[in-house]
Amino acid sequence: MEELLAHDADPTVLDALGRSAVHWACENGSDEIVKLLVQEEGVDYLTKRDKRGMTAMDLVRRRSKLQ
């Protein structure tokens, strides 16, 4: 992830589900990647919702309930 960000990859790009990299990192428990992403300008993990209405933080909460 660091290499991608160093080469100007846009961490705010959304996929077909309306999710950004921070959504996927949060859902998959990739804590180190989450830490990198939230430092990037424009990454919104609190209010940006995917097509199901979930924020990245919602995905963290859901994952923690499943564990």
C-alpha atoms as a PDB file:
ATOM      1  CA  MET A   1       0.000   0.000   0.000  1.00  0.00           C
ATOM      2  CA  GLU A   2       2.828   2.387   0.835  1.00  0.00           C
ATOM      3  CA  GLU A   3       4.273   1.887  -2.647  1.00  0.00           C
ATOM      4  CA  LEU A   4       0.935   2.617  -4.294  1.00  0.00           C
ATOM      5  CA  LEU A   5       0.428   5.766  -2.266  1.00  0.00           C
ATOM      6  CA  ALA A   6       3.997   6.870  -2.996  1.00  0.00           C
ATOM      7  CA  HIS A   7       3.160   6.641  -6.707  1.00  0.00           C
ATOM      8  CA  ASP A   8       0.035   8.788  -6.332  1.00  0.00           C
ATOM      9  CA  ALA A   9      -2.585   6.035  -6.236  1.00  0.00           C
ATOM     10  CA  ASP A  10      -5.901   7.619  -5.267  1.00  0.00           C
ATOM     11  CA  PRO A  11      -7.177   5.970  -2.056  1.00  0.00           C
ATOM     12  CA  THR A  12     -10.593   7.596  -2.475  1.00  0.00           C
ATOM     13  CA  VAL A  13     -11.523   5.765  -5.701  1.00  0.00           C
ATOM     14  CA  LEU A  14     -14.722   3.742  -5.300  1.00  0.00           C
ATOM     15  CA  ASP A  15     -15.450   0.288  -6.686  1.00  0.00           C
ATOM     16  CA  ALA A  16     -18.771  -1.013  -8.018  1.00  0.00           C
ATOM     17  CA  LEU A  17     -20.024  -1.472  -4.434  1.00  0.00           C
ATOM     18  CA  GLY A  18     -19.236   2.146  -3.606  1.00  0.00           C
ATOM     19  CA  ARG A  19     -16.326   1.115  -1.383  1.00  0.00           C
ATOM     20  CA  SER A  20     -12.898   2.671  -1.148  1.00  0.00           C
ATOM     21  CA  ALA A  21      -9.675   1.027  -0.026  1.00  0.00           C
ATOM     22  CA  VAL A  22     -10.366   2.032   3.571  1.00  0.00           C
ATOM     23  CA  HIS A  23     -13.719   0.197   3.499  1.00  0.00           C
ATOM     24  CA  TRP A  24     -11.988  -3.004   2.377  1.00  0.00           C
ATOM     25  CA  ALA A  25      -9.100  -2.638   4.798  1.00  0.00           C
ATOM     26  CA  CYS A  26     -11.505  -2.110   7.709  1.00  0.00           C
ATOM     27  CA  GLU A  27     -13.706  -5.034   6.737  1.00  0.00           C
ATOM     28  CA  ASN A  28     -10.728  -7.365   6.419  1.00  0.00           C
ATOM     29  CA  GLY A  29      -8.992  -6.295   9.622  1.00  0.00           C
ATOM     30  CA  SER A  30      -5.953  -4.862   7.850  1.00  0.00           C
ATOM     31  CA  ASP A  31      -5.065  -2.482  10.663  1.00  0.00           C
ATOM     32  CA  GLU A  32      -1.707  -1.348   9.278  1.00  0.00           C
ATOM     33  CA  ILE A  33      -3.285  -0.458   5.937  1.00  0.00           C
ATOM     34  CA  VAL A  34      -6.108   1.394   7.690  1.00  0.00           C
ATOM     35  CA  LYS A  35      -3.514   3.442   9.587  1.00  0.00           C
ATOM     36  CA  LEU A  36      -1.813   4.397   6.324  1.00  0.00           C
ATOM     37  CA  LEU A  37      -5.047   5.246   4.542  1.00  0.00           C
ATOM     38  CA  VAL A  38      -6.608   7.449   7.210  1.00  0.00           C
ATOM     39  CA  GLN A  39      -3.537   9.685   7.074  1.00  0.00           C
ATOM     40  CA  GLU A  40      -4.208  10.408   3.399  1.00  0.00           C
ATOM     41  CA  GLU A  41      -6.045  13.578   2.455  1.00  0.00           C
ATOM     42  CA  GLY A  42      -9.671  13.013   1.497  1.00  0.00           C
ATOM     43  CA  VAL A  43     -10.047   9.533   3.022  1.00  0.00           C
ATOM     44  CA  ASP A  44     -13.385   9.548   4.846  1.00  0.00           C
ATOM     45  CA  TYR A  45     -13.847   6.558   7.118  1.00  0.00           C
ATOM     46  CA  LEU A  46     -16.529   8.085   9.324  1.00  0.00           C
ATOM     47  CA  THR A  47     -19.238   9.333   6.966  1.00  0.00           C
ATOM     48  CA  LYS A  48     -18.629   7.986   3.409  1.00  0.00           C
ATOM     49  CA  ARG A  49     -21.172   5.231   2.859  1.00  0.00           C
ATOM     50  CA  ASP A  50     -21.042   2.386   0.366  1.00  0.00           C
ATOM     51  CA  LYS A  51     -24.071   1.302  -1.691  1.00  0.00           C
ATOM     52  CA  ARG A  52     -25.364  -0.686   1.301  1.00  0.00           C
ATOM     53  CA  GLY A  53     -25.168   2.391   3.523  1.00  0.00           C
ATOM     54  CA  MET A  54     -22.129   1.194   5.470  1.00  0.00           C
ATOM     55  CA  THR A  55     -19.226   3.413   6.520  1.00  0.00           C
ATOM     56  CA  ALA A  56     -15.773   1.930   7.048  1.00  0.00           C
ATOM     57  CA  MET A  57     -16.338   2.219  10.793  1.00  0.00           C
ATOM     58  CA  ASP A  58     -19.618   0.294  10.446  1.00  0.00           C
ATOM     59  CA  LEU A  59     -17.638  -2.507   8.810  1.00  0.00           C
ATOM     60  CA  VAL A  60     -15.168  -2.545  11.718  1.00  0.00           C
ATOM     61  CA  ARG A  61     -18.032  -2.797  14.212  1.00  0.00           C
ATOM     62  CA  ARG A  62     -19.681  -5.588  12.226  1.00  0.00           C
ATOM     63  CA  ARG A  63     -16.412  -7.528  11.989  1.00  0.00           C
ATOM     64  CA  SER A  64     -15.767  -7.205  15.717  1.00  0.00           C
ATOM     65  CA  LYS A  65     -19.225  -8.623  16.477  1.00  0.00           C
ATOM     66  CA  LEU A  66     -18.507 -11.654  14.281  1.00  0.00           C
ATOM     67  CA  GLN A  67     -15.214 -12.498  15.991  1.00  0.00           C
END
